[in-house]
Each structure stands twice: as structure tokens, then as C-alpha cells.
């Protein structure tokens, strides 16, 4: 995550309690990472837990989930959560703040792919 995204996550954690993200890869709002209070979005067998984000100043990890079908398309990429000014989803917690989370990506290097094995 970028420092700006981490700062927004700390702010949202202070306002809403424990958080989670879900990236569905669907159209429109579902194409962006959506931030919810932990447990508000129900995950299941069609979702993959990508990471539990440890953020300084946040007492618990913030889970980041992705739909399994989207993961199959992105499993060869390095993903970075960022936040930018703009209008995001009305369902994502950052929307009232005038910002939106987004994913920046790059292909994994051959060395990184080998380490994932």
C-alpha cells in the first residue's frame, strides 16, 4: 500500500472499527477495491485472501480479499493499494471523504514468480 492509502485506512479504522477490503473485478464500482467494516462483506469459497495488511497505528490486520476468478487473472502481478482524489463507490467507506481506493499493478519479475513457486 502507499503511505496515502495507509493514512486513509488509519482514519477509516478510527471512524468505523476493524476493516476489510474486497476486489471483485466486476464492472463499475466492483472494479475498484471496496473497503468495508470487517465482516460486512461475506466472503466464501469463491474468494481468495490475498493479504492481511499490517498498518502502523491499526491494532489488527486489515484483510484484503479478491474473487477467485479475478485472482486467476492477476496472480502474476504485484498489487499496490493506493488512494486518489475522486468519487468512488457509494458502498466503500472512503467515498464520503472525497477519495477512492484503487489498485496499481505491475507484472511480477521472473525472480518473484520463482519465489512464489
C-alpha atoms as a PDB file:
ATOM      1  CA  UNK A   1       0.000   0.000   0.000  1.00  0.00           C
ATOM      2  CA  UNK A   2       1.067   3.565  -0.485  1.00  0.00           C
ATOM      3  CA  UNK A   3       1.605   5.880   2.501  1.00  0.00           C
ATOM      4  CA  UNK A   4      -1.528   7.834   1.472  1.00  0.00           C
ATOM      5  CA  UNK A   5      -3.610   4.630   1.425  1.00  0.00           C
ATOM      6  CA  UNK A   6      -2.251   3.615   4.840  1.00  0.00           C
ATOM      7  CA  UNK A   7      -3.164   7.050   6.252  1.00  0.00           C
ATOM      8  CA  UNK A   8      -6.722   6.733   4.898  1.00  0.00           C
ATOM      9  CA  UNK A   9      -7.010   3.227   6.347  1.00  0.00           C
ATOM     10  CA  UNK A  10      -5.927   4.542   9.778  1.00  0.00           C
ATOM     11  CA  UNK A  11      -8.542   7.307   9.533  1.00  0.00           C
ATOM     12  CA  UNK A  12     -11.293   4.896   8.475  1.00  0.00           C
ATOM     13  CA  UNK A  13     -10.297   2.427  11.206  1.00  0.00           C
ATOM     14  CA  UNK A  14     -10.703   5.208  13.773  1.00  0.00           C
ATOM     15  CA  UNK A  15     -14.175   6.025  12.426  1.00  0.00           C
ATOM     16  CA  UNK A  16     -15.551   2.546  11.697  1.00  0.00           C
ATOM     17  CA  UNK A  17     -13.568  -0.041  13.645  1.00  0.00           C
ATOM     18  CA  UNK A  18     -11.829  -3.060  12.064  1.00  0.00           C
ATOM     19  CA  UNK A  19     -11.760  -3.017   8.253  1.00  0.00           C
ATOM     20  CA  UNK A  20     -11.589  -5.362   5.284  1.00  0.00           C
ATOM     21  CA  UNK A  21     -11.207  -4.957   1.515  1.00  0.00           C
ATOM     22  CA  UNK A  22     -12.743  -6.914  -1.327  1.00  0.00           C
ATOM     23  CA  UNK A  23     -11.804  -6.677  -5.008  1.00  0.00           C
ATOM     24  CA  UNK A  24     -14.387  -8.391  -7.180  1.00  0.00           C
ATOM     25  CA  UNK A  25     -13.113  -7.483 -10.620  1.00  0.00           C
ATOM     26  CA  UNK A  26     -16.665  -6.830 -11.744  1.00  0.00           C
ATOM     27  CA  UNK A  27     -17.838  -3.885 -13.731  1.00  0.00           C
ATOM     28  CA  UNK A  28     -18.204  -0.313 -12.493  1.00  0.00           C
ATOM     29  CA  UNK A  29     -17.684   0.011  -8.716  1.00  0.00           C
ATOM     30  CA  UNK A  30     -16.695  -3.646  -8.413  1.00  0.00           C
ATOM     31  CA  UNK A  31     -13.541  -2.940 -10.422  1.00  0.00           C
ATOM     32  CA  UNK A  32     -12.076  -0.964  -7.512  1.00  0.00           C
ATOM     33  CA  UNK A  33     -11.094  -2.287  -4.113  1.00  0.00           C
ATOM     34  CA  UNK A  34     -14.022  -1.791  -1.774  1.00  0.00           C
ATOM     35  CA  UNK A  35     -13.418  -1.033   1.911  1.00  0.00           C
ATOM     36  CA  UNK A  36     -15.966  -2.313   4.437  1.00  0.00           C
ATOM     37  CA  UNK A  37     -16.221  -2.773   8.179  1.00  0.00           C
ATOM     38  CA  UNK A  38     -14.674  -6.197   8.886  1.00  0.00           C
ATOM     39  CA  UNK A  39     -17.247  -8.925   8.266  1.00  0.00           C
ATOM     40  CA  UNK A  40     -19.783  -6.704   6.489  1.00  0.00           C
ATOM     41  CA  UNK A  41     -18.919  -8.266   3.135  1.00  0.00           C
ATOM     42  CA  UNK A  42     -19.381 -12.018   3.312  1.00  0.00           C
ATOM     43  CA  UNK A  43     -16.547 -13.987   1.762  1.00  0.00           C
ATOM     44  CA  UNK A  44     -16.643 -17.633   0.840  1.00  0.00           C
ATOM     45  CA  UNK A  45     -15.193 -20.328  -1.373  1.00  0.00           C
ATOM     46  CA  UNK A  46     -15.256 -18.045  -4.404  1.00  0.00           C
ATOM     47  CA  UNK A  47     -12.848 -15.590  -2.696  1.00  0.00           C
ATOM     48  CA  UNK A  48      -9.095 -15.651  -2.046  1.00  0.00           C
ATOM     49  CA  UNK A  49      -7.447 -13.965   0.949  1.00  0.00           C
ATOM     50  CA  UNK A  50      -4.528 -12.132  -0.687  1.00  0.00           C
ATOM     51  CA  UNK A  51      -3.009 -10.488   2.351  1.00  0.00           C
ATOM     52  CA  UNK A  52      -3.604  -9.356   5.888  1.00  0.00           C
ATOM     53  CA  UNK A  53      -2.254  -5.813   5.796  1.00  0.00           C
ATOM     54  CA  UNK A  54      -0.323  -4.719   8.885  1.00  0.00           C
ATOM     55  CA  UNK A  55      -0.562  -0.949   9.236  1.00  0.00           C
ATOM     56  CA  UNK A  56       1.210   1.067  11.883  1.00  0.00           C
ATOM     57  CA  UNK A  57      -1.372   2.555  14.227  1.00  0.00           C
ATOM     58  CA  UNK A  58      -4.022  -0.059  13.394  1.00  0.00           C
ATOM     59  CA  UNK A  59      -4.305  -2.717  16.119  1.00  0.00           C
ATOM     60  CA  UNK A  60      -5.381  -5.577  13.852  1.00  0.00           C
ATOM     61  CA  UNK A  61      -4.535  -6.607  10.282  1.00  0.00           C
ATOM     62  CA  UNK A  62      -6.839  -5.401   7.502  1.00  0.00           C
ATOM     63  CA  UNK A  63      -7.786  -8.369   5.326  1.00  0.00           C
ATOM     64  CA  UNK A  64      -7.717  -7.971   1.551  1.00  0.00           C
ATOM     65  CA  UNK A  65      -9.869 -10.410  -0.411  1.00  0.00           C
ATOM     66  CA  UNK A  66     -10.300 -10.931  -4.148  1.00  0.00           C
ATOM     67  CA  UNK A  67     -12.732 -13.050  -6.114  1.00  0.00           C
ATOM     68  CA  UNK A  68     -11.079 -16.294  -7.214  1.00  0.00           C
ATOM     69  CA  UNK A  69     -11.823 -15.598 -10.877  1.00  0.00           C
ATOM     70  CA  UNK A  70     -10.135 -12.187 -10.658  1.00  0.00           C
ATOM     71  CA  UNK A  71      -7.183 -13.724  -8.799  1.00  0.00           C
ATOM     72  CA  UNK A  72      -6.640 -16.164 -11.671  1.00  0.00           C
ATOM     73  CA  UNK A  73      -6.204 -13.173 -13.993  1.00  0.00           C
ATOM     74  CA  UNK A  74      -3.983 -11.169 -11.608  1.00  0.00           C
ATOM     75  CA  UNK A  75      -1.919 -13.874  -9.869  1.00  0.00           C
ATOM     76  CA  UNK A  76       1.151 -12.889 -11.888  1.00  0.00           C
ATOM     77  CA  UNK A  77       1.030  -9.229 -10.778  1.00  0.00           C
ATOM     78  CA  UNK A  78       2.255  -7.188  -7.829  1.00  0.00           C
ATOM     79  CA  UNK A  79      -0.662  -5.151  -6.483  1.00  0.00           C
ATOM     80  CA  UNK A  80      -0.414  -1.890  -4.578  1.00  0.00           C
ATOM     81  CA  UNK A  81      -3.409  -0.270  -2.858  1.00  0.00           C
ATOM     82  CA  UNK A  82      -3.443   3.494  -3.402  1.00  0.00           C
ATOM     83  CA  UNK A  83      -5.921   6.289  -2.722  1.00  0.00           C
ATOM     84  CA  UNK A  84      -6.607   9.251  -5.011  1.00  0.00           C
ATOM     85  CA  UNK A  85      -8.993  12.213  -5.036  1.00  0.00           C
ATOM     86  CA  UNK A  86     -12.264  11.456  -6.747  1.00  0.00           C
ATOM     87  CA  UNK A  87     -15.596   9.782  -6.498  1.00  0.00           C
ATOM     88  CA  UNK A  88     -15.559   6.096  -5.731  1.00  0.00           C
ATOM     89  CA  UNK A  89     -18.267   3.675  -4.815  1.00  0.00           C
ATOM     90  CA  UNK A  90     -21.056   4.793  -2.550  1.00  0.00           C
ATOM     91  CA  UNK A  91     -20.657   1.483  -0.696  1.00  0.00           C
ATOM     92  CA  UNK A  92     -16.948   1.827   0.082  1.00  0.00           C
ATOM     93  CA  UNK A  93     -16.109   3.571   3.368  1.00  0.00           C
ATOM     94  CA  UNK A  94     -13.795   6.184   1.826  1.00  0.00           C
ATOM     95  CA  UNK A  95     -16.465   7.587  -0.530  1.00  0.00           C
ATOM     96  CA  UNK A  96     -17.687  10.342   1.847  1.00  0.00           C
ATOM     97  CA  UNK A  97     -14.065  11.521   2.231  1.00  0.00           C
ATOM     98  CA  UNK A  98     -13.871  12.607  -1.440  1.00  0.00           C
ATOM     99  CA  UNK A  99     -11.299   9.944  -2.310  1.00  0.00           C
ATOM    100  CA  UNK A 100     -11.283   6.449  -3.721  1.00  0.00           C
ATOM    101  CA  UNK A 101      -9.040   3.453  -3.327  1.00  0.00           C
ATOM    102  CA  UNK A 102      -7.555   1.940  -6.463  1.00  0.00           C
ATOM    103  CA  UNK A 103      -5.119  -0.795  -7.402  1.00  0.00           C
ATOM    104  CA  UNK A 104      -1.823  -0.105  -9.133  1.00  0.00           C
ATOM    105  CA  UNK A 105      -0.222  -3.177 -10.654  1.00  0.00           C
ATOM    106  CA  UNK A 106       2.909  -4.393 -12.372  1.00  0.00           C
ATOM    107  CA  UNK A 107       3.907  -7.793 -13.658  1.00  0.00           C
ATOM    108  CA  UNK A 108       5.944  -9.899 -11.262  1.00  0.00           C
ATOM    109  CA  UNK A 109       9.558 -10.387 -12.281  1.00  0.00           C
ATOM    110  CA  UNK A 110      10.774 -13.900 -13.166  1.00  0.00           C
ATOM    111  CA  UNK A 111      12.624 -13.965  -9.816  1.00  0.00           C
ATOM    112  CA  UNK A 112       9.456 -13.007  -7.898  1.00  0.00           C
ATOM    113  CA  UNK A 113       7.464 -15.680  -9.741  1.00  0.00           C
ATOM    114  CA  UNK A 114      10.109 -18.284  -8.896  1.00  0.00           C
ATOM    115  CA  UNK A 115       9.995 -17.288  -5.211  1.00  0.00           C
ATOM    116  CA  UNK A 116       6.232 -17.800  -5.174  1.00  0.00           C
ATOM    117  CA  UNK A 117       6.824 -21.283  -6.605  1.00  0.00           C
END
